Protein backbone atom coordinates (compact mmCIF):
# COMPACT_ATOMS: atom_id res chain seq x y z
CA MET A 1 -0.03 0.01 0.05
CA THR A 2 1.36 3.32 -0.95
CA ASN A 3 1.87 6.26 1.42
CA LEU A 4 2.55 9.71 0.10
CA ARG A 5 4.34 12.62 1.77
CA THR A 6 4.68 16.31 1.16
CA ASP A 7 6.60 18.84 3.12
CA ARG A 8 3.84 19.19 5.69
CA LEU A 9 1.49 16.30 5.13
CA ILE A 10 1.31 12.54 5.15
CA LEU A 11 -1.32 10.58 3.13
CA ARG A 12 -1.69 7.19 4.71
CA PRO A 13 -4.17 4.48 5.34
CA ARG A 14 -7.03 5.03 7.92
CA ARG A 15 -6.37 4.06 11.62
CA GLU A 16 -8.90 3.23 14.27
CA SER A 17 -7.94 6.56 15.83
CA ASP A 18 -9.32 8.36 12.79
CA LEU A 19 -12.83 7.18 13.19
CA ALA A 20 -13.97 9.64 15.77
CA PRO A 21 -12.54 12.75 14.15
CA TRP A 22 -13.89 11.54 10.76
CA ALA A 23 -17.35 11.06 12.34
CA ALA A 24 -17.25 14.57 13.77
CA MET A 25 -16.31 15.93 10.28
CA ASN A 26 -19.27 14.07 8.81
CA ALA A 27 -21.62 15.52 11.44
CA ASP A 28 -20.39 19.10 10.85
CA PRO A 29 -22.85 21.03 8.76
CA GLU A 30 -20.12 23.41 7.37
CA VAL A 31 -17.87 20.58 6.33
CA ARG A 32 -20.91 18.80 4.62
CA GLU A 33 -22.41 21.97 3.31
CA HIS A 34 -22.01 20.89 -0.32
CA LEU A 35 -22.70 17.26 0.34
CA PRO A 36 -26.11 15.66 0.76
CA GLY A 37 -26.79 15.52 4.54
CA LEU A 38 -24.89 14.78 7.66
CA LEU A 39 -23.80 11.23 8.38
CA THR A 40 -24.42 9.17 11.43
CA ARG A 41 -21.51 7.49 13.24
CA GLU A 42 -22.46 4.20 11.56
CA GLN A 43 -22.49 5.75 8.12
CA SER A 44 -19.26 7.46 8.72
CA ASP A 45 -17.51 4.32 9.95
CA ALA A 46 -18.98 2.48 6.86
CA SER A 47 -17.32 5.04 4.65
CA VAL A 48 -13.94 4.33 6.24
CA ALA A 49 -14.49 0.64 5.63
CA ARG A 50 -15.05 1.35 1.92
CA PHE A 51 -11.94 3.62 1.74
CA ARG A 52 -9.86 0.87 3.43
CA ALA A 53 -11.19 -1.69 0.93
CA GLY A 54 -10.19 0.47 -2.03
CA LEU A 55 -6.65 1.01 -0.57
CA ASP A 56 -6.32 -2.67 0.18
CA GLU A 57 -7.52 -3.69 -3.30
CA ARG A 58 -5.55 -1.20 -5.47
CA GLY A 59 -2.74 0.14 -3.12
CA TRP A 60 -4.18 3.65 -3.71
CA GLY A 61 -7.37 5.48 -3.08
CA TRP A 62 -8.78 7.80 -0.38
CA TRP A 63 -5.82 8.32 1.99
CA ALA A 64 -6.16 9.73 5.58
CA LEU A 65 -4.55 13.08 5.71
CA GLU A 66 -2.21 13.84 8.60
CA VAL A 67 -0.16 16.94 9.58
CA ALA A 68 3.40 15.58 9.61
CA ALA A 69 4.68 17.85 12.42
CA THR A 70 1.82 16.91 14.90
CA GLY A 71 0.34 13.57 13.71
CA GLU A 72 -3.08 15.22 13.69
CA PHE A 73 -5.69 13.67 11.40
CA ILE A 74 -7.21 16.54 9.44
CA GLY A 75 -9.39 14.67 6.81
CA PHE A 76 -8.83 12.78 3.52
CA THR A 77 -7.51 13.17 -0.03
CA GLY A 78 -6.79 10.91 -2.86
CA LEU A 79 -7.74 9.24 -6.02
CA ASP A 80 -10.67 6.93 -6.76
CA PRO A 81 -12.52 5.58 -9.80
CA VAL A 82 -15.52 7.56 -10.66
CA ASP A 83 -18.81 5.96 -9.44
CA ALA A 84 -20.49 3.79 -12.00
CA ASP A 85 -23.68 5.79 -12.12
CA MET A 86 -21.93 9.07 -13.31
CA PRO A 87 -22.29 10.20 -16.86
CA PHE A 88 -18.48 9.91 -17.49
CA THR A 89 -15.65 7.61 -16.50
CA GLY A 90 -12.20 7.91 -15.08
CA ILE A 91 -10.30 8.60 -11.96
CA GLU A 92 -11.10 11.47 -9.74
CA VAL A 93 -9.07 13.42 -7.23
CA GLY A 94 -10.85 14.65 -4.03
CA TRP A 95 -10.35 15.95 -0.49
CA ARG A 96 -12.38 16.78 2.57
CA LEU A 97 -10.78 18.62 5.55
CA ALA A 98 -11.90 19.39 9.05
CA ARG A 99 -12.74 23.07 9.47
CA PRO A 100 -9.63 23.94 11.54
CA ALA A 101 -7.56 22.70 8.62
CA TRP A 102 -9.29 25.09 6.16
CA GLY A 103 -7.25 28.04 4.80
CA HIS A 104 -3.75 26.56 5.20
CA GLY A 105 -3.35 25.26 1.69
CA TYR A 106 -3.44 21.60 2.85
CA ALA A 107 -6.15 20.65 0.34
CA THR A 108 -4.05 21.97 -2.61
CA GLU A 109 -0.86 20.45 -1.24
CA ALA A 110 -2.41 17.02 -0.69
CA ALA A 111 -4.12 17.07 -3.90
CA ARG A 112 -0.89 17.87 -5.84
CA ALA A 113 0.68 14.79 -4.22
CA ALA A 114 -2.24 12.66 -5.24
CA LEU A 115 -2.12 14.06 -8.77
CA ALA A 116 1.64 13.40 -9.02
CA PHE A 117 1.10 9.89 -7.94
CA GLY A 118 -1.70 9.44 -10.55
CA PHE A 119 0.26 10.81 -13.42
CA GLU A 120 3.73 9.52 -12.54
CA ASP A 121 3.08 6.19 -10.84
CA LEU A 122 -0.30 5.13 -12.43
CA ARG A 123 0.46 6.77 -15.67
CA LEU A 124 -3.03 8.17 -15.92
CA ALA A 125 -3.74 10.26 -19.04
CA GLU A 126 -6.25 12.42 -17.17
CA ILE A 127 -7.65 13.08 -13.67
CA LEU A 128 -11.03 14.45 -12.94
CA ALA A 129 -12.54 16.40 -10.13
CA VAL A 130 -16.15 16.85 -9.28
CA THR A 131 -18.07 19.05 -6.92
CA ALA A 132 -21.41 20.88 -6.47
CA VAL A 133 -21.70 23.99 -8.65
CA GLY A 134 -21.85 26.23 -5.48
CA ASN A 135 -18.73 24.79 -3.76
CA LEU A 136 -16.48 27.71 -4.53
CA ARG A 137 -13.80 26.62 -2.07
CA SER A 138 -13.21 23.28 -3.82
CA ARG A 139 -13.53 24.92 -7.19
CA ALA A 140 -10.74 27.31 -6.26
CA VAL A 141 -8.51 24.36 -5.26
CA MET A 142 -9.31 22.81 -8.60
CA SER A 143 -8.22 26.02 -10.46
CA ARG A 144 -5.04 26.27 -8.29
CA LEU A 145 -4.20 22.70 -9.44
CA GLY A 146 -4.44 23.79 -13.03
CA MET A 147 -7.59 21.88 -13.70
CA THR A 148 -10.02 23.30 -16.27
CA ARG A 149 -13.85 23.23 -16.58
CA ASP A 150 -15.92 23.10 -19.70
CA PRO A 151 -19.40 24.15 -18.83
CA ALA A 152 -20.72 21.67 -21.42
CA ASP A 153 -19.62 18.97 -18.99
CA ASP A 154 -21.72 20.20 -16.05
CA PHE A 155 -24.29 17.66 -15.06
CA ASP A 156 -26.83 16.61 -12.52
CA ASP A 157 -25.25 14.18 -9.99
CA PRO A 158 -27.53 10.96 -9.97
CA GLY A 159 -26.33 10.15 -6.42
CA VAL A 160 -27.62 13.54 -5.09
CA PRO A 161 -31.35 14.17 -4.44
CA GLU A 162 -33.24 16.92 -6.31
CA GLY A 163 -32.20 20.29 -4.97
CA PRO A 164 -29.39 22.91 -5.06
CA LEU A 165 -26.64 20.39 -4.49
CA ARG A 166 -27.43 18.19 -7.46
CA ARG A 167 -26.00 20.40 -10.20
CA SER A 168 -22.28 19.57 -10.48
CA VAL A 169 -19.24 20.71 -12.26
CA LEU A 170 -16.50 18.57 -13.82
CA TYR A 171 -12.92 19.70 -13.90
CA ARG A 172 -10.13 17.90 -15.82
CA LEU A 173 -6.39 17.73 -15.83
CA ARG A 174 -4.47 15.98 -18.56
CA ALA A 175 -1.06 14.44 -18.11
CA GLY A 176 1.61 16.96 -19.19
CA THR A 177 -0.53 19.96 -18.66
CA ARG A 178 -0.34 20.02 -14.93
CA PRO A 179 1.72 22.71 -13.12
CA GLN A 180 4.79 21.59 -11.20
CA ALA A 181 4.22 21.15 -7.51
């Protein structure tokens, strides 16, 4: 299983000690503002089980995100195959951080490490990113990463109930076009 490291962060498999802070993140209305609903502890734990299974199966996926200097768990980032019900296919990069970790550049830094792994180690031709149209913070990260959006690719996420979160945007980054980290 692959671990990644940046100057400030470690991307690693989940630990039992991550379950409680992950559940707290999934119960935080601000963290889940652009996601459909809050998660119960059981739903949150089940998501960790799915993340672990992906890492075990492929050796890469949704890694836990840890501040290297302190060992503090601050969320997740990584790469994952796009869900089968989406109107496109590929590998997506994503992130979710606890509120105290916002505004420090961690999402961009961690996503750059995941992108480098995807392009250099997995030899992917393209990596995608998806978010709700109103998620300006994540869209700003996507732009900082050099990802681009074609409004013709915008779509209604079939996994999200009708409402303001359903309309989504798709960003793309092709190998060889990404900025240097």
